[in-house]
Amino acid sequence: MQTMDTITAIPGGALASPAAARNTGPILEVLKAHLPARGRVLEIAAGSGEHAVAYAGALPGLEWTPSDPSAEARASIAAWAEAADLPNLRPPLALDLLEEASWPEEPFAALVCINMIHISPWAATEGLMRLAGRVLPVGGLLATYGPYREADVPLAPSNAAFDESLKARDPAWGLRDRDDVAAAAKAEGLALTLRVGMHANNLMLLFRRVG
């Protein structure tokens, strides 16, 4: 499971992420305002599964499907899901944005991607946008969360240090430029419709499929 967070194993096979504990509530407030009341949501790179359980529980009208390419992550997601026993939380998918053969074919009303874009190669972001263009209907939502570079906003010292640590771990990782991400989305028929400033110098970028 790719992460820069300190992960703790807890009884039952689940993993606990301090970052997920901190950001679950603020992200939920944005999702509540922009997700449809009903429909199918696909979570990309769901990690430990804490977000999936929290959001499926808070948004009972939505059918929430978590996914992650890591078997370790999927085991943790399954453990959290078993403990929560939510009727609208589906089993995790082994979805890898670098392997199109693993992508689902069925449509989704929305995609949610939290803290992945900077902890993956650029090809994963391109894959995310291709997948969104494939499975979202016109007007469908792609919501992303994480740190970004912005040409018109000075980079916070903490984000600059984080970027250096990411690249030290893997040269293919690092904070992405917001405009580059928006351009990759536009190439797949998605428009950046909202930028929401979040805690700890993170952003939520909301995209809608326009064609």
Protein backbone atom coordinates (compact mmCIF):
# COMPACT_ATOMS: atom_id res chain seq x y z
CA MET A 1 0.00 0.00 0.00
CA GLN A 2 1.62 3.24 -1.16
CA THR A 3 1.50 5.93 1.51
CA MET A 4 3.71 8.40 3.36
CA ASP A 5 1.51 8.05 6.44
CA THR A 6 2.32 6.10 9.60
CA ILE A 7 0.09 3.02 9.36
CA THR A 8 -0.88 1.02 12.43
CA ALA A 9 -2.25 -2.52 12.38
CA ILE A 10 -5.23 -3.08 14.66
CA PRO A 11 -7.03 -6.30 15.64
CA GLY A 12 -9.01 -7.99 12.90
CA GLY A 13 -6.60 -7.30 10.07
CA ALA A 14 -7.50 -3.63 9.57
CA LEU A 15 -4.96 -0.82 9.22
CA ALA A 16 -5.37 2.61 10.81
CA SER A 17 -4.14 5.81 9.18
CA PRO A 18 -3.67 9.02 11.22
CA ALA A 19 -4.07 11.09 8.04
CA ALA A 20 -7.42 9.44 7.32
CA ALA A 21 -8.56 10.18 10.86
CA ARG A 22 -7.69 13.87 10.39
CA ASN A 23 -9.13 14.46 6.95
CA THR A 24 -12.24 12.25 6.88
CA GLY A 25 -14.56 14.90 8.34
CA PRO A 26 -13.45 17.88 6.22
CA ILE A 27 -13.58 15.85 3.01
CA LEU A 28 -17.02 14.53 3.92
CA GLU A 29 -18.40 18.05 4.22
CA VAL A 30 -17.37 18.79 0.62
CA LEU A 31 -18.65 15.46 -0.66
CA LYS A 32 -22.02 15.97 1.02
CA ALA A 33 -22.42 19.25 -0.83
CA HIS A 34 -21.56 17.89 -4.27
CA LEU A 35 -22.27 14.16 -4.53
CA PRO A 36 -25.69 13.08 -5.77
CA ALA A 37 -28.18 11.83 -3.20
CA ARG A 38 -28.26 8.42 -4.88
CA GLY A 39 -26.07 6.46 -7.23
CA ARG A 40 -22.89 4.41 -7.39
CA VAL A 41 -19.57 5.88 -6.23
CA LEU A 42 -16.17 4.39 -7.01
CA GLU A 43 -13.34 5.26 -4.61
CA ILE A 44 -9.89 5.06 -6.19
CA ALA A 45 -6.83 4.09 -4.09
CA ALA A 46 -8.98 3.59 -1.00
CA GLY A 47 -5.99 2.62 1.16
CA SER A 48 -6.85 1.45 4.67
CA GLY A 49 -10.61 1.60 4.01
CA GLU A 50 -11.43 4.09 6.77
CA HIS A 51 -12.73 6.67 4.30
CA ALA A 52 -14.92 4.08 2.58
CA VAL A 53 -16.58 3.01 5.83
CA ALA A 54 -17.06 6.59 7.02
CA TYR A 55 -18.55 7.84 3.77
CA ALA A 56 -20.76 4.83 3.13
CA GLY A 57 -22.09 5.23 6.66
CA ALA A 58 -22.68 8.97 6.33
CA LEU A 59 -24.19 8.77 2.82
CA PRO A 60 -26.61 5.82 2.94
CA GLY A 61 -28.25 6.72 -0.37
CA LEU A 62 -25.03 5.99 -2.22
CA GLU A 63 -23.60 2.59 -3.11
CA TRP A 64 -19.90 2.92 -2.26
CA THR A 65 -17.32 0.74 -4.02
CA PRO A 66 -13.73 1.07 -2.74
CA SER A 67 -10.77 -0.05 -4.83
CA ASP A 68 -7.02 -0.38 -4.47
CA PRO A 69 -4.27 -2.20 -6.40
CA SER A 70 -2.65 -3.34 -3.12
CA ALA A 71 -3.72 -6.68 -1.68
CA GLU A 72 -2.73 -5.39 1.77
CA ALA A 73 -5.02 -2.41 1.36
CA ARG A 74 -7.91 -4.53 0.12
CA ALA A 75 -7.55 -6.83 3.13
CA SER A 76 -7.75 -3.80 5.43
CA ILE A 77 -10.76 -2.43 3.55
CA ALA A 78 -12.51 -5.79 3.89
CA ALA A 79 -11.73 -5.88 7.62
CA TRP A 80 -13.16 -2.40 8.22
CA ALA A 81 -16.20 -3.26 6.07
CA GLU A 82 -16.87 -6.49 7.98
CA ALA A 83 -16.81 -4.61 11.29
CA ALA A 84 -19.08 -1.83 9.98
CA ASP A 85 -21.55 -4.18 8.23
CA LEU A 86 -22.99 -1.45 5.99
CA PRO A 87 -25.53 -2.53 3.35
CA ASN A 88 -24.33 0.06 0.82
CA LEU A 89 -20.60 -0.75 1.02
CA ARG A 90 -19.44 -3.09 -1.73
CA PRO A 91 -16.38 -5.39 -1.60
CA PRO A 92 -13.10 -3.76 -2.69
CA LEU A 93 -12.01 -3.99 -6.31
CA ALA A 94 -8.44 -4.79 -7.39
CA LEU A 95 -8.31 -1.71 -9.63
CA ASP A 96 -4.92 -0.50 -10.87
CA LEU A 97 -4.92 2.77 -12.84
CA LEU A 98 -1.82 1.55 -14.71
CA GLU A 99 -3.61 -1.60 -15.90
CA GLU A 100 -6.72 -0.86 -17.96
CA ALA A 101 -7.68 -4.53 -17.92
CA SER A 102 -8.50 -4.12 -14.23
CA TRP A 103 -10.89 -1.21 -14.76
CA PRO A 104 -14.65 -1.73 -14.29
CA GLU A 105 -16.92 -1.39 -17.29
CA GLU A 106 -20.11 -0.39 -15.49
CA PRO A 107 -21.04 3.29 -15.04
CA PHE A 108 -20.66 5.26 -11.81
CA ALA A 109 -22.29 8.51 -10.76
CA ALA A 110 -19.06 9.74 -9.16
CA LEU A 111 -15.40 8.92 -8.53
CA VAL A 112 -13.49 9.91 -5.39
CA CYS A 113 -9.67 9.87 -5.23
CA ILE A 114 -7.97 10.87 -1.97
CA ASN A 115 -4.20 11.31 -1.56
CA MET A 116 -3.14 9.35 -4.62
CA ILE A 117 -2.07 11.80 -7.31
CA HIS A 118 1.15 12.83 -5.53
CA ILE A 119 2.03 9.29 -4.38
CA SER A 120 2.01 7.64 -7.82
CA PRO A 121 3.58 8.15 -11.23
CA TRP A 122 2.03 10.72 -13.57
CA ALA A 123 0.66 7.86 -15.68
CA ALA A 124 -1.69 7.01 -12.80
CA THR A 125 -3.22 10.50 -12.97
CA GLU A 126 -3.65 10.11 -16.72
CA GLY A 127 -5.29 6.73 -16.06
CA LEU A 128 -7.60 8.28 -13.47
CA MET A 129 -8.81 10.80 -16.03
CA ARG A 130 -9.28 8.15 -18.74
CA LEU A 131 -11.26 6.00 -16.32
CA ALA A 132 -13.41 8.96 -15.27
CA GLY A 133 -14.09 9.83 -18.89
CA ARG A 134 -15.11 6.22 -19.50
CA VAL A 135 -17.40 5.45 -16.53
CA LEU A 136 -18.93 8.84 -15.62
CA PRO A 137 -22.07 10.16 -17.29
CA VAL A 138 -22.21 13.74 -18.55
CA GLY A 139 -22.35 15.84 -15.38
CA GLY A 140 -20.75 13.05 -13.32
CA LEU A 141 -18.32 14.09 -10.58
CA LEU A 142 -14.65 13.31 -10.03
CA ALA A 143 -13.47 14.58 -6.64
CA THR A 144 -9.75 14.58 -5.79
CA TYR A 145 -8.01 15.55 -2.56
CA GLY A 146 -4.36 16.23 -1.79
CA PRO A 147 -1.56 18.79 -2.06
CA TYR A 148 -0.90 20.54 -5.38
CA ARG A 149 1.41 23.13 -6.87
CA GLU A 150 -0.35 26.25 -8.18
CA ALA A 151 1.24 28.88 -10.38
CA ASP A 152 -0.72 31.68 -8.71
CA VAL A 153 -0.25 30.53 -5.08
CA PRO A 154 3.10 30.41 -3.22
CA LEU A 155 4.03 26.87 -2.24
CA ALA A 156 3.79 26.42 1.53
CA PRO A 157 7.12 25.45 3.14
CA SER A 158 5.54 22.28 4.54
CA ASN A 159 4.37 21.26 1.07
CA ALA A 160 7.80 22.02 -0.42
CA ALA A 161 9.42 19.75 2.18
CA PHE A 162 6.79 17.07 1.56
CA ASP A 163 7.46 17.24 -2.17
CA GLU A 164 11.18 16.72 -1.56
CA SER A 165 10.49 13.72 0.68
CA LEU A 166 8.20 12.18 -1.92
CA LYS A 167 10.77 12.52 -4.69
CA ALA A 168 13.47 11.13 -2.42
CA ARG A 169 11.37 8.01 -1.91
CA ASP A 170 10.44 7.70 -5.60
CA PRO A 171 11.50 10.15 -8.35
CA ALA A 172 8.21 9.46 -10.16
CA TRP A 173 6.22 10.84 -7.21
CA GLY A 174 5.71 14.46 -6.14
CA LEU A 175 3.22 17.29 -5.98
CA ARG A 176 1.52 17.86 -9.33
CA ASP A 177 0.72 21.20 -10.87
CA ARG A 178 -2.99 21.94 -10.63
CA ASP A 179 -3.09 23.18 -14.22
CA ASP A 180 -1.38 20.02 -15.49
CA VAL A 181 -3.98 17.89 -13.72
CA ALA A 182 -6.78 20.04 -15.16
CA ALA A 183 -5.29 19.66 -18.64
CA ALA A 184 -5.15 15.87 -18.28
CA ALA A 185 -8.79 15.94 -17.22
CA LYS A 186 -9.80 18.17 -20.13
CA ALA A 187 -8.22 15.74 -22.57
CA GLU A 188 -10.71 13.11 -21.35
CA GLY A 189 -13.80 15.34 -21.44
CA LEU A 190 -13.67 16.60 -17.83
CA ALA A 191 -13.71 20.22 -16.67
CA LEU A 192 -12.32 21.57 -13.40
CA THR A 193 -15.36 23.23 -11.86
CA LEU A 194 -14.35 23.94 -8.27
CA ARG A 195 -11.22 24.43 -6.15
CA VAL A 196 -11.77 24.09 -2.41
CA GLY A 197 -9.00 25.04 0.03
CA MET A 198 -8.65 22.46 2.78
CA HIS A 199 -6.70 22.09 6.02
CA ALA A 200 -2.91 21.49 6.06
CA ASN A 201 -2.45 23.20 2.66
CA ASN A 202 -4.43 20.57 0.76
CA LEU A 203 -7.04 21.11 -1.93
CA MET A 204 -10.12 19.41 -3.21
CA LEU A 205 -10.43 19.71 -6.97
CA LEU A 206 -13.85 18.86 -8.37
CA PHE A 207 -14.23 17.90 -12.02
CA ARG A 208 -17.38 17.28 -14.02
CA ARG A 209 -17.64 15.27 -17.22
CA VAL A 210 -18.78 17.63 -19.94
CA GLY A 211 -18.58 15.41 -22.98
